[in-house]
N, C-alpha and C. Protein backbone atom coordinates (compact mmCIF):
# COMPACT_ATOMS: atom_id res chain seq x y z
N PRO A 1 88.47 -0.15 17.09
CA PRO A 1 87.87 0.91 17.88
C PRO A 1 88.68 1.16 19.14
N ALA A 2 88.76 2.39 19.48
CA ALA A 2 89.53 2.78 20.67
C ALA A 2 88.73 2.49 21.94
N LEU A 3 89.43 1.99 22.92
CA LEU A 3 88.80 1.71 24.21
C LEU A 3 89.52 2.51 25.28
N PRO A 4 88.94 2.96 26.30
CA PRO A 4 87.52 2.86 26.62
C PRO A 4 86.69 3.87 25.85
N ARG A 5 85.47 3.51 25.59
CA ARG A 5 84.54 4.41 24.93
C ARG A 5 83.77 5.18 26.00
N PRO A 6 83.30 6.37 25.66
CA PRO A 6 82.54 7.15 26.66
C PRO A 6 81.18 6.50 26.92
N PRO A 7 80.55 6.83 28.05
CA PRO A 7 79.22 6.28 28.33
C PRO A 7 78.19 6.85 27.36
N LEU A 8 76.99 6.28 27.38
CA LEU A 8 75.92 6.79 26.53
C LEU A 8 75.58 8.22 26.93
N MET A 9 75.18 9.02 25.95
CA MET A 9 74.89 10.43 26.21
C MET A 9 73.68 10.55 27.14
N PRO A 10 73.70 11.49 28.08
CA PRO A 10 72.57 11.66 29.00
C PRO A 10 71.25 11.93 28.28
N SER A 11 71.29 12.59 27.11
CA SER A 11 70.04 12.86 26.39
C SER A 11 69.39 11.56 25.91
N LEU A 12 70.20 10.52 25.65
CA LEU A 12 69.65 9.24 25.22
C LEU A 12 69.09 8.42 26.37
N THR A 13 69.64 8.63 27.56
CA THR A 13 69.25 7.80 28.70
C THR A 13 68.36 8.53 29.70
N GLU A 14 67.92 9.72 29.35
CA GLU A 14 67.16 10.54 30.30
C GLU A 14 65.88 9.86 30.79
N SER A 15 65.07 9.32 29.88
CA SER A 15 63.81 8.69 30.30
C SER A 15 64.08 7.44 31.12
N LEU A 16 65.13 6.71 30.76
CA LEU A 16 65.48 5.51 31.52
C LEU A 16 66.01 5.88 32.91
N ARG A 17 66.74 6.97 32.99
CA ARG A 17 67.24 7.43 34.29
C ARG A 17 66.09 7.83 35.21
N GLU A 18 65.03 8.41 34.64
CA GLU A 18 63.87 8.79 35.45
C GLU A 18 63.16 7.55 35.97
N ALA A 19 63.06 6.52 35.13
CA ALA A 19 62.38 5.29 35.54
C ALA A 19 63.24 4.49 36.52
N LEU A 20 64.56 4.51 36.32
CA LEU A 20 65.49 3.76 37.17
C LEU A 20 66.52 4.72 37.75
N PRO A 21 66.16 5.42 38.83
CA PRO A 21 67.07 6.46 39.33
C PRO A 21 68.40 5.92 39.86
N ARG A 22 68.46 4.64 40.24
CA ARG A 22 69.71 4.10 40.77
C ARG A 22 70.59 3.48 39.67
N ALA A 23 70.15 3.52 38.42
CA ALA A 23 70.91 2.92 37.32
C ALA A 23 72.19 3.72 37.06
N MET A 24 73.25 2.99 36.74
CA MET A 24 74.53 3.61 36.42
C MET A 24 74.82 3.35 34.94
N PHE A 25 75.14 4.40 34.21
CA PHE A 25 75.47 4.26 32.80
C PHE A 25 76.97 4.51 32.67
N ALA A 26 77.72 3.43 32.66
CA ALA A 26 79.18 3.50 32.71
C ALA A 26 79.77 3.57 31.32
N SER A 27 81.09 3.76 31.29
CA SER A 27 81.80 3.76 30.01
C SER A 27 81.87 2.32 29.49
N ASN A 28 82.42 2.16 28.32
CA ASN A 28 82.55 0.84 27.72
C ASN A 28 84.03 0.60 27.44
N PRO A 29 84.69 -0.34 28.00
CA PRO A 29 84.23 -1.33 28.98
C PRO A 29 84.09 -0.70 30.37
N ALA A 30 83.26 -1.34 31.19
CA ALA A 30 83.04 -0.86 32.55
C ALA A 30 83.69 -1.83 33.53
N ARG A 31 84.35 -1.29 34.51
CA ARG A 31 85.01 -2.12 35.52
C ARG A 31 84.25 -1.97 36.83
N VAL A 32 83.84 -3.08 37.39
CA VAL A 32 83.06 -3.08 38.62
C VAL A 32 83.81 -3.92 39.64
N ARG A 33 83.97 -3.38 40.82
CA ARG A 33 84.59 -4.16 41.90
C ARG A 33 83.47 -4.67 42.79
N TYR A 34 83.37 -5.99 42.91
CA TYR A 34 82.37 -6.64 43.75
C TYR A 34 83.10 -7.50 44.75
N ARG A 35 83.00 -7.12 46.00
CA ARG A 35 83.73 -7.77 47.09
C ARG A 35 85.21 -7.83 46.76
N SER A 36 85.75 -9.00 46.52
CA SER A 36 87.20 -9.08 46.25
C SER A 36 87.49 -9.29 44.76
N GLN A 37 86.45 -9.18 43.91
CA GLN A 37 86.65 -9.45 42.48
C GLN A 37 86.52 -8.19 41.66
N ASP A 38 87.28 -8.12 40.59
CA ASP A 38 87.12 -7.07 39.59
C ASP A 38 86.40 -7.68 38.40
N LEU A 39 85.23 -7.13 38.06
CA LEU A 39 84.46 -7.61 36.91
C LEU A 39 84.53 -6.57 35.81
N VAL A 40 84.68 -7.02 34.57
CA VAL A 40 84.74 -6.11 33.43
C VAL A 40 83.58 -6.46 32.49
N PHE A 41 82.76 -5.46 32.16
CA PHE A 41 81.64 -5.63 31.25
C PHE A 41 81.92 -4.81 30.01
N MET A 42 81.61 -5.41 28.85
CA MET A 42 81.92 -4.75 27.59
C MET A 42 80.78 -4.92 26.61
N ARG A 43 80.38 -3.83 25.96
CA ARG A 43 79.38 -3.87 24.89
C ARG A 43 80.13 -4.02 23.57
N GLU A 44 79.82 -5.08 22.86
CA GLU A 44 80.47 -5.27 21.56
C GLU A 44 79.61 -6.21 20.73
N ASP A 45 79.50 -5.91 19.46
CA ASP A 45 78.75 -6.77 18.55
C ASP A 45 79.71 -7.83 18.01
N LEU A 46 79.91 -8.88 18.81
CA LEU A 46 80.86 -9.92 18.43
C LEU A 46 80.37 -10.74 17.24
N GLN A 47 79.06 -10.90 17.14
CA GLN A 47 78.53 -11.72 16.05
C GLN A 47 78.89 -11.11 14.69
N SER A 48 78.73 -9.80 14.55
CA SER A 48 79.07 -9.19 13.25
C SER A 48 80.58 -9.27 12.99
N ARG A 49 81.37 -9.18 14.04
CA ARG A 49 82.82 -9.32 13.86
C ARG A 49 83.18 -10.72 13.40
N MET A 50 82.52 -11.73 13.98
CA MET A 50 82.83 -13.11 13.58
C MET A 50 82.32 -13.41 12.18
N ARG A 51 81.20 -12.81 11.82
CA ARG A 51 80.63 -13.08 10.49
C ARG A 51 81.29 -12.24 9.39
N ARG A 52 82.15 -11.34 9.75
CA ARG A 52 82.78 -10.46 8.78
C ARG A 52 83.52 -11.25 7.70
N ASN A 53 84.15 -12.35 8.09
CA ASN A 53 84.94 -13.15 7.16
C ASN A 53 84.26 -14.46 6.77
N CYS A 54 82.94 -14.51 6.85
CA CYS A 54 82.20 -15.72 6.48
C CYS A 54 82.33 -15.98 4.99
N ILE A 55 82.42 -17.25 4.63
CA ILE A 55 82.44 -17.61 3.21
C ILE A 55 81.03 -17.48 2.64
N LEU A 56 80.05 -17.99 3.38
CA LEU A 56 78.65 -17.87 2.96
C LEU A 56 78.00 -16.72 3.70
N PRO A 57 77.13 -15.97 3.04
CA PRO A 57 76.41 -14.91 3.76
C PRO A 57 75.57 -15.50 4.89
N PRO A 58 75.29 -14.75 5.93
CA PRO A 58 74.55 -15.27 7.08
C PRO A 58 73.22 -15.90 6.73
N THR A 59 72.54 -15.45 5.66
CA THR A 59 71.24 -16.02 5.31
C THR A 59 71.38 -17.43 4.77
N GLU A 60 72.54 -17.78 4.23
CA GLU A 60 72.73 -19.11 3.65
C GLU A 60 73.32 -20.10 4.64
N ILE A 61 73.80 -19.61 5.77
CA ILE A 61 74.36 -20.49 6.79
C ILE A 61 73.21 -21.23 7.45
N GLU A 62 73.41 -22.51 7.73
CA GLU A 62 72.36 -23.31 8.34
C GLU A 62 71.98 -22.72 9.69
N ASP A 63 70.69 -22.68 9.95
CA ASP A 63 70.18 -22.11 11.21
C ASP A 63 70.61 -22.94 12.40
N ALA A 64 70.61 -22.31 13.53
CA ALA A 64 70.91 -23.00 14.79
C ALA A 64 69.77 -23.96 15.11
N PRO A 65 70.04 -25.04 15.82
CA PRO A 65 69.00 -26.01 16.14
C PRO A 65 67.80 -25.40 16.86
N ALA A 66 68.02 -24.46 17.74
CA ALA A 66 66.90 -23.84 18.46
C ALA A 66 65.99 -23.08 17.50
N GLU A 67 66.60 -22.38 16.53
CA GLU A 67 65.80 -21.65 15.55
C GLU A 67 65.02 -22.61 14.67
N LYS A 68 65.64 -23.73 14.29
CA LYS A 68 64.94 -24.74 13.49
C LYS A 68 63.75 -25.30 14.25
N ALA A 69 63.95 -25.59 15.53
CA ALA A 69 62.88 -26.13 16.35
C ALA A 69 61.74 -25.13 16.49
N ALA A 70 62.08 -23.87 16.69
CA ALA A 70 61.05 -22.84 16.82
C ALA A 70 60.27 -22.70 15.52
N ARG A 71 60.98 -22.75 14.39
CA ARG A 71 60.31 -22.65 13.10
C ARG A 71 59.41 -23.86 12.86
N ALA A 72 59.86 -25.05 13.25
CA ALA A 72 59.06 -26.26 13.10
C ALA A 72 57.80 -26.17 13.96
N ARG A 73 57.93 -25.67 15.20
CA ARG A 73 56.76 -25.50 16.06
C ARG A 73 55.77 -24.52 15.45
N ALA A 74 56.29 -23.42 14.90
CA ALA A 74 55.41 -22.42 14.28
C ALA A 74 54.68 -23.01 13.08
N LYS A 75 55.38 -23.81 12.27
CA LYS A 75 54.73 -24.45 11.13
C LYS A 75 53.66 -25.43 11.58
N ALA A 76 53.95 -26.20 12.64
CA ALA A 76 52.98 -27.15 13.15
C ALA A 76 51.75 -26.44 13.68
N LYS A 77 51.95 -25.33 14.39
CA LYS A 77 50.82 -24.55 14.89
C LYS A 77 49.98 -24.01 13.74
N ALA A 78 50.65 -23.50 12.72
CA ALA A 78 49.93 -22.95 11.57
C ALA A 78 49.14 -24.04 10.86
N ALA A 79 49.74 -25.22 10.70
CA ALA A 79 49.04 -26.34 10.05
C ALA A 79 47.83 -26.76 10.88
N ALA A 80 47.98 -26.83 12.20
CA ALA A 80 46.86 -27.21 13.06
C ALA A 80 45.76 -26.17 13.00
N ARG A 81 46.14 -24.89 12.98
CA ARG A 81 45.15 -23.82 12.90
C ARG A 81 44.39 -23.90 11.58
N GLU A 82 45.12 -24.15 10.49
CA GLU A 82 44.48 -24.24 9.18
C GLU A 82 43.53 -25.44 9.12
N ALA A 83 43.95 -26.57 9.67
CA ALA A 83 43.08 -27.75 9.69
C ALA A 83 41.83 -27.49 10.51
N ARG A 84 41.99 -26.79 11.64
CA ARG A 84 40.84 -26.46 12.48
C ARG A 84 39.88 -25.54 11.73
N LEU A 85 40.41 -24.56 11.00
CA LEU A 85 39.56 -23.66 10.22
C LEU A 85 38.82 -24.43 9.13
N GLU A 86 39.52 -25.36 8.46
CA GLU A 86 38.86 -26.15 7.42
C GLU A 86 37.74 -27.00 8.00
N ARG A 87 37.99 -27.61 9.17
CA ARG A 87 36.94 -28.42 9.83
C ARG A 87 35.75 -27.55 10.19
N ASN A 88 36.02 -26.35 10.72
CA ASN A 88 34.92 -25.45 11.10
C ASN A 88 34.13 -25.00 9.88
N GLU A 89 34.83 -24.72 8.77
CA GLU A 89 34.14 -24.33 7.55
C GLU A 89 33.27 -25.46 7.03
N ALA A 90 33.80 -26.69 7.03
CA ALA A 90 33.03 -27.85 6.56
C ALA A 90 31.82 -28.06 7.46
N ARG A 91 31.99 -27.92 8.76
CA ARG A 91 30.88 -28.08 9.71
C ARG A 91 29.82 -27.02 9.46
N ALA A 92 30.24 -25.77 9.22
CA ALA A 92 29.30 -24.68 8.96
C ALA A 92 28.54 -24.93 7.66
N GLU A 93 29.24 -25.45 6.65
CA GLU A 93 28.57 -25.76 5.38
C GLU A 93 27.54 -26.86 5.57
N ARG A 94 27.88 -27.90 6.34
CA ARG A 94 26.93 -28.99 6.58
C ARG A 94 25.70 -28.48 7.34
N ARG A 95 25.94 -27.62 8.34
CA ARG A 95 24.81 -27.06 9.10
C ARG A 95 23.91 -26.21 8.21
N ALA A 96 24.54 -25.38 7.35
CA ALA A 96 23.75 -24.54 6.45
C ALA A 96 22.94 -25.40 5.49
N ALA A 97 23.56 -26.47 4.98
CA ALA A 97 22.83 -27.36 4.06
C ALA A 97 21.68 -28.05 4.79
N ALA A 98 21.90 -28.48 6.03
CA ALA A 98 20.84 -29.14 6.81
C ALA A 98 19.71 -28.16 7.09
N ARG A 99 20.06 -26.90 7.44
CA ARG A 99 19.01 -25.89 7.68
C ARG A 99 18.20 -25.63 6.42
N ALA A 100 18.91 -25.52 5.29
CA ALA A 100 18.21 -25.26 4.02
C ALA A 100 17.29 -26.42 3.68
N LYS A 101 17.77 -27.64 3.89
CA LYS A 101 16.97 -28.83 3.61
C LYS A 101 15.75 -28.87 4.53
N LYS A 102 15.95 -28.53 5.79
CA LYS A 102 14.85 -28.54 6.76
C LYS A 102 13.81 -27.50 6.39
N LEU A 103 14.28 -26.30 5.98
CA LEU A 103 13.35 -25.25 5.58
C LEU A 103 12.57 -25.66 4.34
N ARG A 104 13.25 -26.23 3.38
CA ARG A 104 12.56 -26.68 2.15
C ARG A 104 11.58 -27.79 2.48
N GLY A 105 12.01 -28.72 3.32
CA GLY A 105 11.13 -29.86 3.69
C GLY A 105 9.96 -29.38 4.52
N GLY A 106 10.20 -28.45 5.44
CA GLY A 106 9.12 -27.94 6.32
C GLY A 106 8.11 -27.12 5.55
N VAL A 107 8.57 -26.31 4.60
CA VAL A 107 7.64 -25.47 3.79
C VAL A 107 6.84 -26.37 2.89
N GLY A 108 7.51 -27.27 2.19
CA GLY A 108 6.81 -28.17 1.24
C GLY A 108 5.90 -29.13 1.97
N GLY A 109 6.37 -29.74 3.09
CA GLY A 109 5.59 -30.74 3.84
C GLY A 109 4.43 -30.08 4.54
N GLY A 110 4.64 -28.86 5.11
CA GLY A 110 3.58 -28.20 5.83
C GLY A 110 2.45 -27.73 4.91
N GLY A 111 2.83 -27.32 3.70
CA GLY A 111 1.83 -26.81 2.74
C GLY A 111 0.97 -27.95 2.20
N GLU A 112 1.56 -29.12 1.97
CA GLU A 112 0.80 -30.22 1.39
C GLU A 112 -0.07 -30.88 2.46
N GLY A 113 0.51 -31.10 3.67
CA GLY A 113 -0.24 -31.82 4.71
C GLY A 113 -1.31 -30.93 5.33
N GLY A 114 -1.08 -29.62 5.38
CA GLY A 114 -2.03 -28.73 6.05
C GLY A 114 -3.22 -28.38 5.18
N GLY A 115 -3.15 -28.53 3.83
CA GLY A 115 -4.21 -28.05 2.96
C GLY A 115 -5.06 -29.08 2.47
């Protein structure tokens, strides 16, 4: 790709410009002079460039440790949530059975003892 690239079109950044009136939408790469330093900022999808010549497709490459940890935490949360739901269901079933037993015992016991 040829550099420098033009900045983003004003029609694409119009709403953002209204929200952030002091924002600057520079070309790519953008050169900024800060005090005595020249800083260069560049937008580029380096990950796709690096993966272009991968032997294995990105889905088959082993995940990064942070992603594995996040996935493990999500699985643990899901397992805990499911266990909590099962406990609540079992508790509700026991309560319903106790209520039914109490109603049966109260109707049968009240009718025999009262008459």
